[in-house]
PDB file of N, CA and C in Angstrom:
ATOM      1  N   MET A   1      58.926 150.782  79.337  1.00  0.00           N
ATOM      2  CA  MET A   1      57.893 151.584  79.957  1.00  0.00           C
ATOM      3  C   MET A   1      57.051 152.284  78.906  1.00  0.00           C
ATOM      4  N   ALA A   2      57.668 152.587  77.767  1.00  0.00           N
ATOM      5  CA  ALA A   2      56.909 153.253  76.711  1.00  0.00           C
ATOM      6  C   ALA A   2      55.746 152.385  76.245  1.00  0.00           C
ATOM      7  N   LEU A   3      55.955 151.087  76.147  1.00  0.00           N
ATOM      8  CA  LEU A   3      54.864 150.190  75.747  1.00  0.00           C
ATOM      9  C   LEU A   3      53.798 150.096  76.827  1.00  0.00           C
ATOM     10  N   VAL A   4      54.202 149.956  78.060  1.00  0.00           N
ATOM     11  CA  VAL A   4      53.243 149.808  79.168  1.00  0.00           C
ATOM     12  C   VAL A   4      52.409 151.075  79.320  1.00  0.00           C
ATOM     13  N   ALA A   5      53.031 152.231  79.234  1.00  0.00           N
ATOM     14  CA  ALA A   5      52.308 153.487  79.413  1.00  0.00           C
ATOM     15  C   ALA A   5      51.581 153.922  78.146  1.00  0.00           C
ATOM     16  N   GLY A   6      52.213 153.722  76.991  1.00  0.00           N
ATOM     17  CA  GLY A   6      51.648 154.244  75.756  1.00  0.00           C
ATOM     18  C   GLY A   6      50.675 153.323  75.047  1.00  0.00           C
ATOM     19  N   ALA A   7      50.859 152.027  75.223  1.00  0.00           N
ATOM     20  CA  ALA A   7      49.989 151.060  74.549  1.00  0.00           C
ATOM     21  C   ALA A   7      49.685 149.903  75.500  1.00  0.00           C
ATOM     22  N   PRO A   8      48.977 150.181  76.592  1.00  0.00           N
ATOM     23  CA  PRO A   8      48.790 149.173  77.631  1.00  0.00           C
ATOM     24  C   PRO A   8      47.928 147.981  77.225  1.00  0.00           C
ATOM     25  N   ASP A   9      47.226 148.065  76.102  1.00  0.00           N
ATOM     26  CA  ASP A   9      46.384 146.952  75.674  1.00  0.00           C
ATOM     27  C   ASP A   9      47.114 145.947  74.788  1.00  0.00           C
ATOM     28  N   LEU A  10      48.287 146.301  74.295  1.00  0.00           N
ATOM     29  CA  LEU A  10      49.023 145.398  73.413  1.00  0.00           C
ATOM     30  C   LEU A  10      49.534 144.169  74.168  1.00  0.00           C
ATOM     31  N   PRO A  11      49.622 143.037  73.495  1.00  0.00           N
ATOM     32  CA  PRO A  11      50.203 141.852  74.138  1.00  0.00           C
ATOM     33  C   PRO A  11      51.637 142.089  74.616  1.00  0.00           C
ATOM     34  N   LEU A  12      52.372 142.937  73.916  1.00  0.00           N
ATOM     35  CA  LEU A  12      53.757 143.244  74.299  1.00  0.00           C
ATOM     36  C   LEU A  12      53.849 143.950  75.653  1.00  0.00           C
ATOM     37  N   SER A  13      52.753 144.557  76.088  1.00  0.00           N
ATOM     38  CA  SER A  13      52.739 145.357  77.307  1.00  0.00           C
ATOM     39  C   SER A  13      52.238 144.619  78.536  1.00  0.00           C
ATOM     40  N   GLN A  14      51.732 143.430  78.373  1.00  0.00           N
ATOM     41  CA  GLN A  14      51.132 142.704  79.492  1.00  0.00           C
ATOM     42  C   GLN A  14      52.210 142.164  80.443  1.00  0.00           C
ATOM     43  N   PRO A  15      51.904 142.052  81.721  1.00  0.00           N
ATOM     44  CA  PRO A  15      52.905 141.609  82.704  1.00  0.00           C
ATOM     45  C   PRO A  15      53.589 140.292  82.336  1.00  0.00           C
ATOM     46  N   ARG A  16      52.827 139.350  81.814  1.00  0.00           N
ATOM     47  CA  ARG A  16      53.418 138.071  81.400  1.00  0.00           C
ATOM     48  C   ARG A  16      54.529 138.294  80.379  1.00  0.00           C
ATOM     49  N   SER A  17      54.282 139.181  79.427  1.00  0.00           N
ATOM     50  CA  SER A  17      55.266 139.443  78.385  1.00  0.00           C
ATOM     51  C   SER A  17      56.432 140.279  78.888  1.00  0.00           C
ATOM     52  N   VAL A  18      56.150 141.256  79.721  1.00  0.00           N
ATOM     53  CA  VAL A  18      57.220 142.122  80.225  1.00  0.00           C
ATOM     54  C   VAL A  18      58.189 141.318  81.087  1.00  0.00           C
ATOM     55  N   VAL A  19      57.672 140.646  82.091  1.00  0.00           N
ATOM     56  CA  VAL A  19      58.537 139.907  83.018  1.00  0.00           C
ATOM     57  C   VAL A  19      59.076 138.635  82.355  1.00  0.00           C
ATOM     58  N   GLY A  20      58.177 137.842  81.780  1.00  0.00           N
ATOM     59  CA  GLY A  20      58.604 136.593  81.154  1.00  0.00           C
ATOM     60  C   GLY A  20      59.523 136.809  79.973  1.00  0.00           C
ATOM     61  N   GLY A  21      59.205 137.777  79.146  1.00  0.00           N
ATOM     62  CA  GLY A  21      60.043 138.072  77.985  1.00  0.00           C
ATOM     63  C   GLY A  21      61.445 138.493  78.383  1.00  0.00           C
ATOM     64  N   GLN A  22      61.533 139.346  79.385  1.00  0.00           N
ATOM     65  CA  GLN A  22      62.861 139.783  79.844  1.00  0.00           C
ATOM     66  C   GLN A  22      63.677 138.624  80.401  1.00  0.00           C
ATOM     67  N   LEU A  23      63.051 137.817  81.247  1.00  0.00           N
ATOM     68  CA  LEU A  23      63.796 136.710  81.862  1.00  0.00           C
ATOM     69  C   LEU A  23      64.176 135.648  80.836  1.00  0.00           C
ATOM     70  N   LEU A  24      63.262 135.304  79.933  1.00  0.00           N
ATOM     71  CA  LEU A  24      63.596 134.333  78.892  1.00  0.00           C
ATOM     72  C   LEU A  24      64.693 134.845  77.967  1.00  0.00           C
ATOM     73  N   SER A  25      64.654 136.120  77.659  1.00  0.00           N
ATOM     74  CA  SER A  25      65.696 136.694  76.804  1.00  0.00           C
ATOM     75  C   SER A  25      67.047 136.680  77.485  1.00  0.00           C
ATOM     76  N   ALA A  26      67.068 136.982  78.765  1.00  0.00           N
ATOM     77  CA  ALA A  26      68.335 136.940  79.501  1.00  0.00           C
ATOM     78  C   ALA A  26      68.885 135.517  79.530  1.00  0.00           C
ATOM     79  N   LEU A  27      68.014 134.547  79.789  1.00  0.00           N
ATOM     80  CA  LEU A  27      68.462 133.152  79.805  1.00  0.00           C
ATOM     81  C   LEU A  27      68.961 132.716  78.428  1.00  0.00           C
ATOM     82  N   THR A  28      68.307 133.173  77.381  1.00  0.00           N
ATOM     83  CA  THR A  28      68.767 132.879  76.026  1.00  0.00           C
ATOM     84  C   THR A  28      70.139 133.495  75.786  1.00  0.00           C
ATOM     85  N   GLY A  29      70.305 134.725  76.229  1.00  0.00           N
ATOM     86  CA  GLY A  29      71.604 135.381  76.083  1.00  0.00           C
ATOM     87  C   GLY A  29      72.697 134.638  76.829  1.00  0.00           C
ATOM     88  N   PHE A  30      72.400 134.169  78.037  1.00  0.00           N
ATOM     89  CA  PHE A  30      73.398 133.414  78.798  1.00  0.00           C
ATOM     90  C   PHE A  30      73.701 132.073  78.133  1.00  0.00           C
ATOM     91  N   ALA A  31      72.708 131.432  77.533  1.00  0.00           N
ATOM     92  CA  ALA A  31      72.939 130.162  76.838  1.00  0.00           C
ATOM     93  C   ALA A  31      73.853 130.370  75.632  1.00  0.00           C
ATOM     94  N   VAL A  32      73.591 131.409  74.857  1.00  0.00           N
ATOM     95  CA  VAL A  32      74.442 131.705  73.702  1.00  0.00           C
ATOM     96  C   VAL A  32      75.847 132.092  74.175  1.00  0.00           C
ATOM     97  N   LEU A  33      75.923 132.848  75.236  1.00  0.00           N
ATOM     98  CA  LEU A  33      77.216 133.241  75.796  1.00  0.00           C
ATOM     99  C   LEU A  33      78.030 132.019  76.207  1.00  0.00           C
ATOM    100  N   ALA A  34      77.372 131.027  76.797  1.00  0.00           N
ATOM    101  CA  ALA A  34      78.067 129.815  77.225  1.00  0.00           C
ATOM    102  C   ALA A  34      78.606 129.027  76.035  1.00  0.00           C
ATOM    103  N   VAL A  35      77.892 129.066  74.915  1.00  0.00           N
ATOM    104  CA  VAL A  35      78.311 128.309  73.738  1.00  0.00           C
ATOM    105  C   VAL A  35      79.318 129.087  72.896  1.00  0.00           C
ATOM    106  N   ALA A  36      79.036 130.352  72.644  1.00  0.00           N
ATOM    107  CA  ALA A  36      79.830 131.129  71.687  1.00  0.00           C
ATOM    108  C   ALA A  36      80.820 132.103  72.322  1.00  0.00           C
ATOM    109  N   GLY A  37      80.649 132.395  73.607  1.00  0.00           N
ATOM    110  CA  GLY A  37      81.489 133.414  74.233  1.00  0.00           C
ATOM    111  C   GLY A  37      81.006 134.806  73.853  1.00  0.00           C
ATOM    112  N   PRO A  38      81.557 135.828  74.501  1.00  0.00           N
ATOM    113  CA  PRO A  38      81.109 137.190  74.209  1.00  0.00           C
ATOM    114  C   PRO A  38      81.584 137.641  72.827  1.00  0.00           C
ATOM    115  N   GLY A  39      80.730 138.363  72.140  1.00  0.00           N
ATOM    116  CA  GLY A  39      81.102 138.884  70.823  1.00  0.00           C
ATOM    117  C   GLY A  39      79.892 139.321  70.031  1.00  0.00           C
ATOM    118  N   LEU A  40      80.178 139.982  68.911  1.00  0.00           N
ATOM    119  CA  LEU A  40      79.110 140.536  68.088  1.00  0.00           C
ATOM    120  C   LEU A  40      78.256 139.456  67.431  1.00  0.00           C
ATOM    121  N   TRP A  41      78.874 138.393  66.923  1.00  0.00           N
ATOM    122  CA  TRP A  41      78.096 137.338  66.276  1.00  0.00           C
ATOM    123  C   TRP A  41      77.200 136.636  67.289  1.00  0.00           C
ATOM    124  N   GLY A  42      77.736 136.354  68.441  1.00  0.00           N
ATOM    125  CA  GLY A  42      76.930 135.728  69.485  1.00  0.00           C
ATOM    126  C   GLY A  42      75.779 136.625  69.909  1.00  0.00           C
ATOM    127  N   ALA A  43      76.035 137.928  69.969  1.00  0.00           N
ATOM    128  CA  ALA A  43      74.985 138.875  70.342  1.00  0.00           C
ATOM    129  C   ALA A  43      73.870 138.894  69.302  1.00  0.00           C
ATOM    130  N   ALA A  44      74.245 138.854  68.030  1.00  0.00           N
ATOM    131  CA  ALA A  44      73.236 138.833  66.965  1.00  0.00           C
ATOM    132  C   ALA A  44      72.401 137.555  67.035  1.00  0.00           C
ATOM    133  N   VAL A  45      73.070 136.429  67.251  1.00  0.00           N
ATOM    134  CA  VAL A  45      72.354 135.155  67.373  1.00  0.00           C
ATOM    135  C   VAL A  45      71.450 135.183  68.605  1.00  0.00           C
ATOM    136  N   ALA A  46      71.951 135.703  69.721  1.00  0.00           N
ATOM    137  CA  ALA A  46      71.165 135.765  70.954  1.00  0.00           C
ATOM    138  C   ALA A  46      69.911 136.607  70.773  1.00  0.00           C
ATOM    139  N   GLY A  47      70.022 137.741  70.110  1.00  0.00           N
ATOM    140  CA  GLY A  47      68.855 138.590  69.873  1.00  0.00           C
ATOM    141  C   GLY A  47      67.807 137.894  69.026  1.00  0.00           C
ATOM    142  N   GLY A  48      68.236 137.233  67.967  1.00  0.00           N
ATOM    143  CA  GLY A  48      67.296 136.511  67.111  1.00  0.00           C
ATOM    144  C   GLY A  48      66.657 135.326  67.814  1.00  0.00           C
ATOM    145  N   LEU A  49      67.470 134.559  68.523  1.00  0.00           N
ATOM    146  CA  LEU A  49      66.936 133.415  69.264  1.00  0.00           C
ATOM    147  C   LEU A  49      65.969 133.861  70.358  1.00  0.00           C
ATOM    148  N   ALA A  50      66.281 134.964  71.006  1.00  0.00           N
ATOM    149  CA  ALA A  50      65.405 135.464  72.070  1.00  0.00           C
ATOM    150  C   ALA A  50      64.021 135.785  71.525  1.00  0.00           C
ATOM    151  N   LEU A  51      63.957 136.397  70.359  1.00  0.00           N
ATOM    152  CA  LEU A  51      62.650 136.677  69.755  1.00  0.00           C
ATOM    153  C   LEU A  51      61.886 135.378  69.496  1.00  0.00           C
ATOM    154  N   GLY A  52      62.583 134.367  68.987  1.00  0.00           N
ATOM    155  CA  GLY A  52      61.942 133.079  68.741  1.00  0.00           C
ATOM    156  C   GLY A  52      61.474 132.404  70.013  1.00  0.00           C
ATOM    157  N   VAL A  53      62.305 132.444  71.051  1.00  0.00           N
ATOM    158  CA  VAL A  53      61.937 131.836  72.335  1.00  0.00           C
ATOM    159  C   VAL A  53      60.723 132.531  72.927  1.00  0.00           C
ATOM    160  N   MET A  54      60.699 133.846  72.865  1.00  0.00           N
ATOM    161  CA  MET A  54      59.541 134.574  73.400  1.00  0.00           C
ATOM    162  C   MET A  54      58.270 134.251  72.636  1.00  0.00           C
ATOM    163  N   MET A  55      58.364 134.115  71.326  1.00  0.00           N
ATOM    164  CA  MET A  55      57.174 133.778  70.536  1.00  0.00           C
ATOM    165  C   MET A  55      56.685 132.379  70.885  1.00  0.00           C
ATOM    166  N   CYS A  56      57.605 131.435  71.039  1.00  0.00           N
ATOM    167  CA  CYS A  56      57.208 130.060  71.400  1.00  0.00           C
ATOM    168  C   CYS A  56      56.576 129.998  72.788  1.00  0.00           C
ATOM    169  N   ALA A  57      57.055 130.829  73.703  1.00  0.00           N
ATOM    170  CA  ALA A  57      56.536 130.840  75.076  1.00  0.00           C
ATOM    171  C   ALA A  57      55.329 131.764  75.230  1.00  0.00           C
ATOM    172  N   ARG A  58      54.895 132.392  74.160  1.00  0.00           N
ATOM    173  CA  ARG A  58      53.780 133.351  74.187  1.00  0.00           C
ATOM    174  C   ARG A  58      54.025 134.487  75.175  1.00  0.00           C
ATOM    175  N   THR A  59      55.263 134.986  75.184  1.00  0.00           N
ATOM    176  CA  THR A  59      55.640 136.127  76.015  1.00  0.00           C
ATOM    177  C   THR A  59      56.342 137.179  75.153  1.00  0.00           C
ATOM    178  N   PRO A  60      55.692 137.668  74.101  1.00  0.00           N
ATOM    179  CA  PRO A  60      56.380 138.599  73.205  1.00  0.00           C
ATOM    180  C   PRO A  60      56.617 139.956  73.864  1.00  0.00           C
ATOM    181  N   HIS A  61      57.855 140.370  73.881  1.00  0.00           N
ATOM    182  CA  HIS A  61      58.213 141.702  74.376  1.00  0.00           C
ATOM    183  C   HIS A  61      59.474 142.096  73.619  1.00  0.00           C
ATOM    184  N   SER A  62      59.288 142.707  72.468  1.00  0.00           N
ATOM    185  CA  SER A  62      60.404 142.965  71.562  1.00  0.00           C
ATOM    186  C   SER A  62      61.569 143.725  72.195  1.00  0.00           C
ATOM    187  N   PRO A  63      61.349 144.678  73.114  1.00  0.00           N
ATOM    188  CA  PRO A  63      62.508 145.315  73.737  1.00  0.00           C
ATOM    189  C   PRO A  63      63.393 144.340  74.517  1.00  0.00           C
ATOM    190  N   ALA A  64      62.833 143.206  74.909  1.00  0.00           N
ATOM    191  CA  ALA A  64      63.612 142.229  75.670  1.00  0.00           C
ATOM    192  C   ALA A  64      64.693 141.577  74.827  1.00  0.00           C
ATOM    193  N   ALA A  65      64.563 141.602  73.509  1.00  0.00           N
ATOM    194  CA  ALA A  65      65.624 141.048  72.665  1.00  0.00           C
ATOM    195  C   ALA A  65      66.943 141.774  72.914  1.00  0.00           C
ATOM    196  N   ALA A  66      66.861 143.048  73.251  1.00  0.00           N
ATOM    197  CA  ALA A  66      68.073 143.803  73.568  1.00  0.00           C
ATOM    198  C   ALA A  66      68.744 143.267  74.827  1.00  0.00           C
ATOM    199  N   THR A  67      67.981 142.703  75.729  1.00  0.00           N
ATOM    200  CA  THR A  67      68.553 142.112  76.935  1.00  0.00           C
ATOM    201  C   THR A  67      69.458 140.943  76.570  1.00  0.00           C
ATOM    202  N   ALA A  68      69.025 140.106  75.636  1.00  0.00           N
ATOM    203  CA  ALA A  68      69.852 138.992  75.184  1.00  0.00           C
ATOM    204  C   ALA A  68      71.131 139.500  74.529  1.00  0.00           C
ATOM    205  N   VAL A  69      71.017 140.565  73.760  1.00  0.00           N
ATOM    206  CA  VAL A  69      72.189 141.155  73.106  1.00  0.00           C
ATOM    207  C   VAL A  69      73.172 141.685  74.149  1.00  0.00           C
ATOM    208  N   ILE A  70      72.661 142.375  75.154  1.00  0.00           N
ATOM    209  CA  ILE A  70      73.516 142.917  76.211  1.00  0.00           C
ATOM    210  C   ILE A  70      74.243 141.800  76.945  1.00  0.00           C
ATOM    211  N   VAL A  71      73.521 140.736  77.271  1.00  0.00           N
ATOM    212  CA  VAL A  71      74.137 139.603  77.974  1.00  0.00           C
ATOM    213  C   VAL A  71      75.243 138.998  77.126  1.00  0.00           C
ATOM    214  N   ALA A  72      74.974 138.778  75.836  1.00  0.00           N
ATOM    215  CA  ALA A  72      75.957 138.140  74.965  1.00  0.00           C
ATOM    216  C   ALA A  72      77.166 139.029  74.696  1.00  0.00           C
ATOM    217  N   LEU A  73      76.999 140.321  74.785  1.00  0.00           N
ATOM    218  CA  LEU A  73      78.128 141.238  74.583  1.00  0.00           C
ATOM    219  C   LEU A  73      78.929 141.483  75.857  1.00  0.00           C
ATOM    220  N   GLN A  74      78.242 141.619  76.977  1.00  0.00           N
ATOM    221  CA  GLN A  74      78.884 142.074  78.201  1.00  0.00           C
ATOM    222  C   GLN A  74      79.263 140.966  79.182  1.00  0.00           C
ATOM    223  N   ALA A  75      78.636 139.809  79.084  1.00  0.00           N
ATOM    224  CA  ALA A  75      78.885 138.680  79.992  1.00  0.00           C
ATOM    225  C   ALA A  75      78.772 139.096  81.462  1.00  0.00           C
ATOM    226  N   PRO A  76      77.588 139.596  81.875  1.00  0.00           N
ATOM    227  CA  PRO A  76      77.421 140.013  83.269  1.00  0.00           C
ATOM    228  C   PRO A  76      77.341 138.809  84.207  1.00  0.00           C
ATOM    229  N   PRO A  77      77.519 139.021  85.511  1.00  0.00           N
ATOM    230  CA  PRO A  77      77.361 137.918  86.467  1.00  0.00           C
ATOM    231  C   PRO A  77      75.922 137.403  86.432  1.00  0.00           C
ATOM    232  N   PHE A  78      75.756 136.088  86.348  1.00  0.00           N
ATOM    233  CA  PHE A  78      74.459 135.468  86.109  1.00  0.00           C
ATOM    234  C   PHE A  78      73.408 135.851  87.150  1.00  0.00           C
ATOM    235  N   TRP A  79      73.650 135.520  88.410  1.00  0.00           N
ATOM    236  CA  TRP A  79      72.616 135.691  89.436  1.00  0.00           C
ATOM    237  C   TRP A  79      72.301 137.143  89.735  1.00  0.00           C
ATOM    238  N   SER A  80      73.309 137.984  89.805  1.00  0.00           N
ATOM    239  CA  SER A  80      73.023 139.398  90.096  1.00  0.00           C
ATOM    240  C   SER A  80      72.285 140.049  88.930  1.00  0.00           C
ATOM    241  N   PHE A  81      72.648 139.679  87.699  1.00  0.00           N
ATOM    242  CA  PHE A  81      71.959 140.248  86.547  1.00  0.00           C
ATOM    243  C   PHE A  81      70.500 139.809  86.518  1.00  0.00           C
ATOM    244  N   LEU A  82      70.266 138.495  86.704  1.00  0.00           N
ATOM    245  CA  LEU A  82      68.878 138.010  86.698  1.00  0.00           C
ATOM    246  C   LEU A  82      68.056 138.615  87.830  1.00  0.00           C
ATOM    247  N   GLY A  83      68.653 138.762  89.005  1.00  0.00           N
ATOM    248  CA  GLY A  83      67.944 139.358  90.130  1.00  0.00           C
ATOM    249  C   GLY A  83      67.557 140.799  89.868  1.00  0.00           C
ATOM    250  N   LEU A  84      68.508 141.576  89.358  1.00  0.00           N
ATOM    251  CA  LEU A  84      68.217 142.981  89.053  1.00  0.00           C
ATOM    252  C   LEU A  84      67.201 143.105  87.915  1.00  0.00           C
ATOM    253  N   LEU A  85      67.315 142.233  86.931  1.00  0.00           N
ATOM    254  CA  LEU A  85      66.377 142.260  85.808  1.00  0.00           C
ATOM    255  C   LEU A  85      64.959 141.920  86.267  1.00  0.00           C
ATOM    256  N   ALA A  86      64.831 140.916  87.114  1.00  0.00           N
ATOM    257  CA  ALA A  86      63.511 140.550  87.640  1.00  0.00           C
ATOM    258  C   ALA A  86      62.925 141.700  88.458  1.00  0.00           C
ATOM    259  N   ALA A  87      63.752 142.316  89.298  1.00  0.00           N
ATOM    260  CA  ALA A  87      63.277 143.437  90.110  1.00  0.00           C
ATOM    261  C   ALA A  87      62.859 144.619  89.227  1.00  0.00           C
ATOM    262  N   ALA A  88      63.650 144.918  88.213  1.00  0.00           N
ATOM    263  CA  ALA A  88      63.323 146.031  87.322  1.00  0.00           C
ATOM    264  C   ALA A  88      62.046 145.753  86.536  1.00  0.00           C
ATOM    265  N   SER A  89      61.869 144.522  86.090  1.00  0.00           N
ATOM    266  CA  SER A  89      60.659 144.165  85.343  1.00  0.00           C
ATOM    267  C   SER A  89      59.416 144.275  86.227  1.00  0.00           C
ATOM    268  N   LEU A  90      59.524 143.783  87.445  1.00  0.00           N
ATOM    269  CA  LEU A  90      58.400 143.882  88.379  1.00  0.00           C
ATOM    270  C   LEU A  90      58.101 145.333  88.736  1.00  0.00           C
ATOM    271  N   LEU A  91      59.140 146.144  88.868  1.00  0.00           N
ATOM    272  CA  LEU A  91      58.947 147.573  89.135  1.00  0.00           C
ATOM    273  C   LEU A  91      58.248 148.246  87.960  1.00  0.00           C
ATOM    274  N   LEU A  92      58.631 147.888  86.753  1.00  0.00           N
ATOM    275  CA  LEU A  92      58.001 148.451  85.564  1.00  0.00           C
ATOM    276  C   LEU A  92      56.508 148.125  85.535  1.00  0.00           C
ATOM    277  N   VAL A  93      56.171 146.886  85.815  1.00  0.00           N
ATOM    278  CA  VAL A  93      54.755 146.484  85.845  1.00  0.00           C
ATOM    279  C   VAL A  93      54.025 147.211  86.972  1.00  0.00           C
ATOM    280  N   SER A  94      54.659 147.349  88.121  1.00  0.00           N
ATOM    281  CA  SER A  94      54.036 148.043  89.255  1.00  0.00           C
ATOM    282  C   SER A  94      53.764 149.506  88.939  1.00  0.00           C
ATOM    283  N   VAL A  95      54.707 150.168  88.293  1.00  0.00           N
ATOM    284  CA  VAL A  95      54.502 151.563  87.908  1.00  0.00           C
ATOM    285  C   VAL A  95      53.396 151.650  86.860  1.00  0.00           C
ATOM    286  N   GLY A  96      53.336 150.681  85.954  1.00  0.00           N
ATOM    287  CA  GLY A  96      52.256 150.643  84.974  1.00  0.00           C
ATOM    288  C   GLY A  96      50.899 150.496  85.634  1.00  0.00           C
ATOM    289  N   LEU A  97      50.833 149.624  86.649  1.00  0.00           N
ATOM    290  CA  LEU A  97      49.581 149.455  87.404  1.00  0.00           C
ATOM    291  C   LEU A  97      49.183 150.743  88.108  1.00  0.00           C
ATOM    292  N   ALA A  98      50.140 151.365  88.793  1.00  0.00           N
ATOM    293  CA  ALA A  98      49.844 152.604  89.526  1.00  0.00           C
ATOM    294  C   ALA A  98      49.429 153.721  88.575  1.00  0.00           C
ATOM    295  N   GLY A  99      50.129 153.846  87.460  1.00  0.00           N
ATOM    296  CA  GLY A  99      49.795 154.884  86.488  1.00  0.00           C
ATOM    297  C   GLY A  99      48.423 154.685  85.879  1.00  0.00           C
ATOM    298  N   ALA A 100      48.088 153.438  85.597  1.00  0.00           N
ATOM    299  CA  ALA A 100      46.767 153.153  85.030  1.00  0.00           C
ATOM    300  C   ALA A 100      45.663 153.458  86.033  1.00  0.00           C
ATOM    301  N   ARG A 101      45.888 153.103  87.269  1.00  0.00           N
ATOM    302  CA  ARG A 101      44.872 153.392  88.302  1.00  0.00           C
ATOM    303  C   ARG A 101      44.696 154.896  88.480  1.00  0.00           C
ATOM    304  N   ALA A 102      45.814 155.625  88.488  1.00  0.00           N
ATOM    305  CA  ALA A 102      45.738 157.077  88.662  1.00  0.00           C
ATOM    306  C   ALA A 102      45.016 157.745  87.492  1.00  0.00           C
ATOM    307  N   ALA A 103      45.183 157.191  86.298  1.00  0.00           N
ATOM    308  CA  ALA A 103      44.553 157.767  85.107  1.00  0.00           C
ATOM    309  C   ALA A 103      43.166 157.198  84.846  1.00  0.00           C
ATOM    310  N   GLY A 104      42.735 156.232  85.642  1.00  0.00           N
ATOM    311  CA  GLY A 104      41.425 155.632  85.453  1.00  0.00           C
ATOM    312  C   GLY A 104      41.355 154.666  84.276  1.00  0.00           C
ATOM    313  N   ARG A 105      42.527 154.139  83.852  1.00  0.00           N
ATOM    314  CA  ARG A 105      42.566 153.173  82.759  1.00  0.00           C
ATOM    315  C   ARG A 105      42.665 151.766  83.320  1.00  0.00           C
ATOM    316  N   THR A 106      42.512 150.803  82.439  1.00  0.00           N
ATOM    317  CA  THR A 106      42.645 149.401  82.819  1.00  0.00           C
ATOM    318  C   THR A 106      43.993 148.875  82.360  1.00  0.00           C
ATOM    319  N   TYR A 107      44.772 148.390  83.279  1.00  0.00           N
ATOM    320  CA  TYR A 107      46.015 147.697  82.988  1.00  0.00           C
ATOM    321  C   TYR A 107      46.227 146.690  84.106  1.00  0.00           C
ATOM    322  N   PRO A 108      46.541 145.509  83.804  1.00  0.00           N
ATOM    323  CA  PRO A 108      46.733 144.900  82.498  1.00  0.00           C
ATOM    324  C   PRO A 108      45.423 144.406  81.907  1.00  0.00           C
ATOM    325  N   THR A 109      45.478 144.101  80.639  1.00  0.00           N
ATOM    326  CA  THR A 109      44.321 143.499  79.983  1.00  0.00           C
ATOM    327  C   THR A 109      44.170 142.068  80.471  1.00  0.00           C
ATOM    328  N   TYR A 110      45.299 141.383  80.664  1.00  0.00           N
ATOM    329  CA  TYR A 110      45.307 140.033  81.229  1.00  0.00           C
ATOM    330  C   TYR A 110      46.643 139.814  81.925  1.00  0.00           C
ATOM    331  N   TRP A 111      46.662 138.882  82.857  1.00  0.00           N
ATOM    332  CA  TRP A 111      47.883 138.577  83.598  1.00  0.00           C
ATOM    333  C   TRP A 111      48.641 137.415  82.972  1.00  0.00           C
ATOM    334  N   PHE A 112      47.917 136.371  82.579  1.00  0.00           N
ATOM    335  CA  PHE A 112      48.586 135.180  82.059  1.00  0.00           C
ATOM    336  C   PHE A 112      48.080 134.794  80.706  1.00  0.00           C
TER     337      PHE A 112
END
């Protein structure tokens, strides 16, 4: 939320990056978890890979790398975690939209 509210023009703050970055990072974390199991090394690899995946998909959202780390460390249930993450990401974008409208600013700069 700090990026969306504080720097709404950055590519990291755009809805594509917020939602897509979070979901791609979670999927990366689950992929690493499936291969390496839960642990610190897997979490480190998941965080690094998540950054690379987001850059390749043009959905950079650096805080989302922590999502991959959390998945690789905690091994949460797949569907409930992804569902809650998607809902939270959409809520974050919605609050960003409402806040920008209330303040008379433009957000997002672009959607896709």
